[in-house]
């Protein structure tokens, strides 16, 4: 049974605000995540976090959704919107659902180009 996607009533961040995605974000990972979201909410989407009123380091240190990942990818709200992706304020702040029109190779490749290359998660403790 399809559930309602829990939307927050808040203004979207400005174009310069950073968007953070945990993990490497491979095409297969994007496809699986979007298919899971579709099965529950009837929309193709992936989870991202807005870095709003804090630094990327603070976001990585304090977010339960991000802290366990070894790598992250960064973009901005403006860059993602310019690439044709909608970002919905969903669940608890600062979570957003990045909406994909479909799961075609073209769409997933465009999404991949809309993020910087993966970097080590700065919020994870150093190992060694």
N, C-alpha and C. Protein backbone atom coordinates (compact mmCIF):
# COMPACT_ATOMS: atom_id res chain seq x y z
N UNK A 1 0.84 -1.19 0.00
CA UNK A 1 0.00 0.00 0.00
C UNK A 1 0.88 1.25 0.00
N UNK A 2 0.57 2.17 -0.85
CA UNK A 2 1.33 3.41 -0.97
C UNK A 2 1.06 4.30 0.25
N UNK A 3 2.14 4.89 0.78
CA UNK A 3 2.02 5.83 1.89
C UNK A 3 2.21 7.25 1.37
N UNK A 4 1.73 8.20 2.16
CA UNK A 4 1.95 9.59 1.82
C UNK A 4 3.39 9.98 2.17
N UNK A 5 4.01 10.73 1.29
CA UNK A 5 5.35 11.25 1.54
C UNK A 5 5.21 12.43 2.49
N UNK A 6 5.86 12.35 3.63
CA UNK A 6 5.75 13.36 4.68
C UNK A 6 6.50 14.63 4.28
N UNK A 7 5.77 15.63 3.81
CA UNK A 7 6.37 16.90 3.37
C UNK A 7 6.38 17.90 4.52
N UNK A 8 7.47 18.67 4.61
CA UNK A 8 7.56 19.76 5.57
C UNK A 8 7.13 21.05 4.89
N UNK A 9 6.59 21.95 5.68
CA UNK A 9 6.20 23.26 5.18
C UNK A 9 7.34 24.23 5.48
N UNK A 10 8.27 24.35 4.54
CA UNK A 10 9.37 25.29 4.71
C UNK A 10 9.83 25.78 3.35
N UNK A 11 10.40 26.96 3.36
CA UNK A 11 10.91 27.54 2.13
C UNK A 11 12.11 26.73 1.64
N UNK A 12 12.22 26.51 0.33
CA UNK A 12 13.40 25.80 -0.17
C UNK A 12 14.66 26.65 0.03
N UNK A 13 15.78 26.00 0.30
CA UNK A 13 17.03 26.73 0.48
C UNK A 13 17.45 27.45 -0.80
N UNK A 14 18.30 28.46 -0.64
CA UNK A 14 18.78 29.17 -1.82
C UNK A 14 19.73 28.29 -2.62
N UNK A 15 20.04 28.74 -3.82
CA UNK A 15 20.83 27.93 -4.76
C UNK A 15 22.22 27.57 -4.23
N UNK A 16 22.80 28.41 -3.38
CA UNK A 16 24.16 28.17 -2.90
C UNK A 16 24.24 27.14 -1.78
N UNK A 17 23.11 26.78 -1.18
CA UNK A 17 23.12 25.83 -0.06
C UNK A 17 23.60 24.46 -0.54
N UNK A 18 24.44 23.84 0.27
CA UNK A 18 25.05 22.56 -0.08
C UNK A 18 24.08 21.41 0.16
N UNK A 19 24.13 20.44 -0.75
CA UNK A 19 23.39 19.19 -0.64
C UNK A 19 24.41 18.08 -0.46
N UNK A 20 24.14 17.19 0.48
CA UNK A 20 25.06 16.10 0.82
C UNK A 20 24.35 14.77 0.60
N UNK A 21 25.02 13.87 -0.09
CA UNK A 21 24.53 12.50 -0.29
C UNK A 21 25.56 11.56 0.28
N UNK A 22 25.13 10.66 1.15
CA UNK A 22 26.04 9.69 1.76
C UNK A 22 26.35 8.57 0.77
N UNK A 23 27.58 8.10 0.80
CA UNK A 23 27.98 6.98 -0.05
C UNK A 23 28.54 7.42 -1.38
N UNK A 24 28.86 6.45 -2.20
CA UNK A 24 29.49 6.70 -3.49
C UNK A 24 28.47 7.08 -4.57
N UNK A 25 27.23 6.65 -4.42
CA UNK A 25 26.16 6.97 -5.35
C UNK A 25 26.38 6.36 -6.73
N UNK A 26 26.61 5.08 -6.77
CA UNK A 26 26.75 4.39 -8.05
C UNK A 26 25.39 4.29 -8.73
N UNK A 27 25.36 4.13 -10.06
CA UNK A 27 24.07 3.99 -10.75
C UNK A 27 23.19 2.88 -10.17
N UNK A 28 23.78 1.74 -9.83
CA UNK A 28 22.98 0.65 -9.26
C UNK A 28 22.40 1.05 -7.90
N UNK A 29 23.19 1.74 -7.10
CA UNK A 29 22.72 2.21 -5.80
C UNK A 29 21.57 3.20 -5.95
N UNK A 30 21.71 4.13 -6.89
CA UNK A 30 20.65 5.11 -7.14
C UNK A 30 19.38 4.40 -7.57
N UNK A 31 19.51 3.48 -8.49
CA UNK A 31 18.35 2.75 -9.00
C UNK A 31 17.64 1.99 -7.86
N UNK A 32 18.41 1.27 -7.04
CA UNK A 32 17.81 0.51 -5.93
C UNK A 32 17.12 1.45 -4.92
N UNK A 33 17.79 2.53 -4.57
CA UNK A 33 17.20 3.48 -3.61
C UNK A 33 15.91 4.09 -4.16
N UNK A 34 15.95 4.50 -5.41
CA UNK A 34 14.77 5.11 -6.03
C UNK A 34 13.62 4.10 -6.16
N UNK A 35 13.95 2.86 -6.48
CA UNK A 35 12.91 1.82 -6.58
C UNK A 35 12.28 1.55 -5.21
N UNK A 36 13.08 1.54 -4.15
CA UNK A 36 12.53 1.36 -2.79
C UNK A 36 11.59 2.50 -2.44
N UNK A 37 12.01 3.72 -2.76
CA UNK A 37 11.17 4.88 -2.48
C UNK A 37 9.87 4.80 -3.27
N UNK A 38 9.97 4.39 -4.54
CA UNK A 38 8.78 4.27 -5.37
C UNK A 38 7.81 3.23 -4.82
N UNK A 39 8.34 2.11 -4.34
CA UNK A 39 7.49 1.04 -3.81
C UNK A 39 6.68 1.51 -2.60
N UNK A 40 7.23 2.45 -1.84
CA UNK A 40 6.55 2.94 -0.64
C UNK A 40 5.72 4.18 -0.91
N UNK A 41 6.28 5.14 -1.68
CA UNK A 41 5.66 6.47 -1.82
C UNK A 41 5.20 6.81 -3.24
N UNK A 42 5.40 5.91 -4.19
CA UNK A 42 4.97 6.12 -5.58
C UNK A 42 5.65 7.32 -6.23
N UNK A 43 6.90 7.57 -5.85
CA UNK A 43 7.72 8.59 -6.49
C UNK A 43 9.15 8.07 -6.50
N UNK A 44 9.84 8.26 -7.63
CA UNK A 44 11.25 7.89 -7.68
C UNK A 44 12.04 8.99 -6.97
N UNK A 45 12.72 8.62 -5.91
CA UNK A 45 13.47 9.60 -5.16
C UNK A 45 14.59 8.96 -4.37
N UNK A 46 15.58 9.79 -4.03
CA UNK A 46 16.68 9.37 -3.17
C UNK A 46 16.82 10.37 -2.03
N UNK A 47 17.36 9.91 -0.92
CA UNK A 47 17.54 10.76 0.25
C UNK A 47 18.82 11.58 0.14
N UNK A 48 18.71 12.84 0.47
CA UNK A 48 19.85 13.74 0.59
C UNK A 48 19.63 14.61 1.82
N UNK A 49 20.68 15.28 2.26
CA UNK A 49 20.55 16.23 3.36
C UNK A 49 21.00 17.61 2.90
N UNK A 50 20.28 18.61 3.35
CA UNK A 50 20.70 19.98 3.13
C UNK A 50 21.66 20.39 4.23
N UNK A 51 22.72 21.05 3.86
CA UNK A 51 23.67 21.58 4.84
C UNK A 51 23.25 23.03 5.06
N UNK A 52 22.36 23.22 6.01
CA UNK A 52 21.69 24.50 6.22
C UNK A 52 22.00 24.98 7.64
N UNK A 53 22.64 26.14 7.73
CA UNK A 53 22.97 26.71 9.03
C UNK A 53 24.04 25.95 9.79
N UNK A 54 24.85 25.20 9.07
CA UNK A 54 25.95 24.45 9.67
C UNK A 54 26.96 24.14 8.59
N UNK A 55 28.07 23.54 8.97
CA UNK A 55 29.10 23.18 8.00
C UNK A 55 28.91 21.74 7.56
N UNK A 56 29.60 21.37 6.49
CA UNK A 56 29.58 19.98 6.02
C UNK A 56 30.13 19.08 7.13
N UNK A 57 31.19 19.50 7.79
CA UNK A 57 31.77 18.71 8.88
C UNK A 57 30.74 18.48 9.98
N UNK A 58 30.05 19.54 10.39
CA UNK A 58 29.02 19.39 11.43
C UNK A 58 27.91 18.44 10.97
N UNK A 59 27.48 18.57 9.72
CA UNK A 59 26.44 17.70 9.20
C UNK A 59 26.87 16.24 9.24
N UNK A 60 28.11 15.99 8.85
CA UNK A 60 28.62 14.61 8.83
C UNK A 60 28.80 14.05 10.24
N UNK A 61 29.14 14.89 11.18
CA UNK A 61 29.34 14.43 12.56
C UNK A 61 28.04 14.18 13.29
N UNK A 62 27.00 14.96 12.98
CA UNK A 62 25.78 14.92 13.79
C UNK A 62 24.62 14.16 13.16
N UNK A 63 24.69 13.84 11.89
CA UNK A 63 23.58 13.16 11.24
C UNK A 63 23.72 11.64 11.36
N UNK A 64 22.71 11.02 11.94
CA UNK A 64 22.70 9.55 12.01
C UNK A 64 22.67 8.92 10.62
N UNK A 65 22.07 9.63 9.66
CA UNK A 65 21.98 9.10 8.29
C UNK A 65 23.33 9.15 7.57
N UNK A 66 24.22 10.02 7.97
CA UNK A 66 25.47 10.24 7.25
C UNK A 66 26.67 9.61 7.97
N UNK A 67 26.66 9.62 9.28
CA UNK A 67 27.83 9.28 10.08
C UNK A 67 28.45 7.93 9.75
N UNK A 68 27.67 6.95 9.39
CA UNK A 68 28.20 5.61 9.15
C UNK A 68 28.84 5.39 7.80
N UNK A 69 28.74 6.33 6.90
CA UNK A 69 29.28 6.16 5.56
C UNK A 69 30.74 6.61 5.48
N UNK A 70 31.51 5.90 4.71
CA UNK A 70 32.93 6.25 4.54
C UNK A 70 33.14 7.40 3.59
N UNK A 71 32.23 7.55 2.62
CA UNK A 71 32.38 8.62 1.63
C UNK A 71 31.07 9.38 1.49
N UNK A 72 31.20 10.61 1.02
CA UNK A 72 30.05 11.46 0.74
C UNK A 72 30.24 12.12 -0.62
N UNK A 73 29.14 12.64 -1.15
CA UNK A 73 29.21 13.45 -2.37
C UNK A 73 28.46 14.75 -2.11
N UNK A 74 28.96 15.83 -2.70
CA UNK A 74 28.40 17.16 -2.47
C UNK A 74 27.90 17.77 -3.77
N UNK A 75 26.88 18.60 -3.64
CA UNK A 75 26.37 19.41 -4.73
C UNK A 75 25.77 20.65 -4.08
N UNK A 76 24.96 21.38 -4.83
CA UNK A 76 24.19 22.50 -4.28
C UNK A 76 22.76 22.39 -4.76
N UNK A 77 21.86 23.05 -4.05
CA UNK A 77 20.47 23.06 -4.47
C UNK A 77 20.35 23.66 -5.87
N UNK A 78 21.11 24.72 -6.15
CA UNK A 78 21.05 25.36 -7.45
C UNK A 78 21.53 24.45 -8.58
N UNK A 79 22.61 23.78 -8.35
CA UNK A 79 23.16 22.86 -9.36
C UNK A 79 22.18 21.74 -9.68
N UNK A 80 21.56 21.18 -8.64
CA UNK A 80 20.59 20.10 -8.86
C UNK A 80 19.33 20.60 -9.55
N UNK A 81 18.85 21.77 -9.14
CA UNK A 81 17.65 22.33 -9.81
C UNK A 81 17.96 22.65 -11.26
N UNK A 82 19.15 23.20 -11.52
CA UNK A 82 19.53 23.54 -12.90
C UNK A 82 19.62 22.28 -13.77
N UNK A 83 19.92 21.14 -13.17
CA UNK A 83 19.99 19.87 -13.91
C UNK A 83 18.60 19.24 -14.06
N UNK A 84 17.57 19.89 -13.53
CA UNK A 84 16.21 19.42 -13.72
C UNK A 84 15.64 18.56 -12.60
N UNK A 85 16.31 18.55 -11.44
CA UNK A 85 15.83 17.73 -10.33
C UNK A 85 15.08 18.58 -9.31
N UNK A 86 13.94 18.06 -8.86
CA UNK A 86 13.18 18.71 -7.79
C UNK A 86 13.68 18.17 -6.46
N UNK A 87 13.67 19.03 -5.46
CA UNK A 87 14.05 18.63 -4.09
C UNK A 87 12.89 18.96 -3.17
N UNK A 88 12.35 17.93 -2.54
CA UNK A 88 11.21 18.10 -1.64
C UNK A 88 11.67 18.02 -0.20
N UNK A 89 11.22 18.97 0.62
CA UNK A 89 11.53 18.94 2.06
C UNK A 89 10.68 17.84 2.69
N UNK A 90 11.32 16.74 3.06
CA UNK A 90 10.59 15.58 3.57
C UNK A 90 11.13 15.13 4.92
N UNK A 91 10.24 14.48 5.68
CA UNK A 91 10.59 13.91 6.98
C UNK A 91 11.17 14.99 7.88
N UNK A 92 12.22 14.67 8.64
CA UNK A 92 12.78 15.62 9.60
C UNK A 92 13.84 16.50 8.93
N UNK A 93 13.83 17.80 9.29
CA UNK A 93 14.85 18.74 8.83
C UNK A 93 16.22 18.19 9.23
N UNK A 94 17.18 18.14 8.37
CA UNK A 94 17.36 18.74 7.04
C UNK A 94 17.25 17.74 5.89
N UNK A 95 16.42 16.69 6.05
CA UNK A 95 16.27 15.68 5.00
C UNK A 95 15.47 16.24 3.83
N UNK A 96 15.90 15.86 2.61
CA UNK A 96 15.18 16.19 1.39
C UNK A 96 15.10 14.94 0.54
N UNK A 97 14.05 14.84 -0.25
CA UNK A 97 13.95 13.79 -1.25
C UNK A 97 14.23 14.41 -2.60
N UNK A 98 15.27 13.92 -3.27
CA UNK A 98 15.62 14.36 -4.61
C UNK A 98 14.80 13.50 -5.56
N UNK A 99 13.96 14.12 -6.37
CA UNK A 99 13.01 13.42 -7.23
C UNK A 99 13.60 13.20 -8.62
N UNK A 100 13.51 11.97 -9.09
CA UNK A 100 13.93 11.61 -10.45
C UNK A 100 12.69 11.37 -11.29
N UNK A 101 12.67 11.90 -12.51
CA UNK A 101 11.52 11.70 -13.40
C UNK A 101 11.37 10.25 -13.81
N UNK A 102 12.50 9.56 -13.94
CA UNK A 102 12.51 8.15 -14.34
C UNK A 102 13.86 7.57 -13.94
N UNK A 103 14.05 6.29 -14.26
CA UNK A 103 15.30 5.63 -13.90
C UNK A 103 16.12 5.27 -15.14
N UNK A 104 15.97 6.06 -16.17
CA UNK A 104 16.73 5.81 -17.40
C UNK A 104 18.22 6.07 -17.15
N UNK A 105 19.05 5.48 -17.99
CA UNK A 105 20.50 5.70 -17.89
C UNK A 105 20.83 7.18 -18.03
N UNK A 106 20.10 7.88 -18.88
CA UNK A 106 20.34 9.31 -19.10
C UNK A 106 20.08 10.10 -17.81
N UNK A 107 18.96 9.82 -17.16
CA UNK A 107 18.62 10.54 -15.93
C UNK A 107 19.62 10.24 -14.83
N UNK A 108 19.99 8.98 -14.66
CA UNK A 108 20.92 8.60 -13.60
C UNK A 108 22.32 9.17 -13.88
N UNK A 109 22.73 9.20 -15.14
CA UNK A 109 24.02 9.80 -15.49
C UNK A 109 24.00 11.31 -15.22
N UNK A 110 22.88 11.97 -15.54
CA UNK A 110 22.76 13.41 -15.29
C UNK A 110 22.84 13.69 -13.79
N UNK A 111 22.22 12.82 -12.99
CA UNK A 111 22.31 12.97 -11.54
C UNK A 111 23.76 12.82 -11.08
N UNK A 112 24.45 11.81 -11.58
CA UNK A 112 25.85 11.61 -11.20
C UNK A 112 26.73 12.80 -11.51
N UNK A 113 26.48 13.43 -12.67
CA UNK A 113 27.26 14.62 -13.06
C UNK A 113 26.90 15.85 -12.22
N UNK A 114 25.77 15.79 -11.53
CA UNK A 114 25.32 16.93 -10.74
C UNK A 114 25.94 16.97 -9.35
N UNK A 115 26.71 15.94 -9.01
CA UNK A 115 27.42 15.89 -7.74
C UNK A 115 28.92 15.89 -8.00
N UNK A 116 29.68 16.41 -7.04
CA UNK A 116 31.14 16.29 -7.09
C UNK A 116 31.52 14.82 -6.91
N UNK A 117 32.77 14.49 -7.23
CA UNK A 117 33.27 13.14 -7.00
C UNK A 117 33.23 12.83 -5.50
N UNK A 118 33.16 11.55 -5.14
CA UNK A 118 33.14 11.18 -3.72
C UNK A 118 34.40 11.65 -3.00
N UNK A 119 34.20 12.04 -1.74
CA UNK A 119 35.31 12.40 -0.86
C UNK A 119 35.14 11.63 0.45
N UNK A 120 36.23 11.46 1.22
CA UNK A 120 36.08 10.81 2.52
C UNK A 120 35.13 11.60 3.41
N UNK A 121 34.33 10.89 4.16
CA UNK A 121 33.41 11.52 5.09
C UNK A 121 34.22 12.20 6.20
N UNK A 122 34.19 13.54 6.28
CA UNK A 122 35.02 14.22 7.28
C UNK A 122 34.51 14.04 8.70
N UNK A 123 33.32 13.50 8.88
CA UNK A 123 32.77 13.30 10.21
C UNK A 123 33.11 11.95 10.83
N UNK A 124 33.70 11.07 10.05
CA UNK A 124 34.08 9.75 10.58
C UNK A 124 35.41 9.85 11.31
N UNK A 125 35.50 9.15 12.43
CA UNK A 125 36.80 9.14 13.13
C UNK A 125 37.88 8.51 12.28
N UNK A 126 39.07 9.02 12.37
CA UNK A 126 40.21 8.45 11.63
C UNK A 126 40.49 7.05 12.15
N UNK A 127 40.79 6.15 11.23
CA UNK A 127 41.14 4.79 11.63
C UNK A 127 42.63 4.60 11.44
N UNK A 128 43.20 3.71 12.20
CA UNK A 128 44.61 3.48 11.97
C UNK A 128 45.26 3.09 13.19
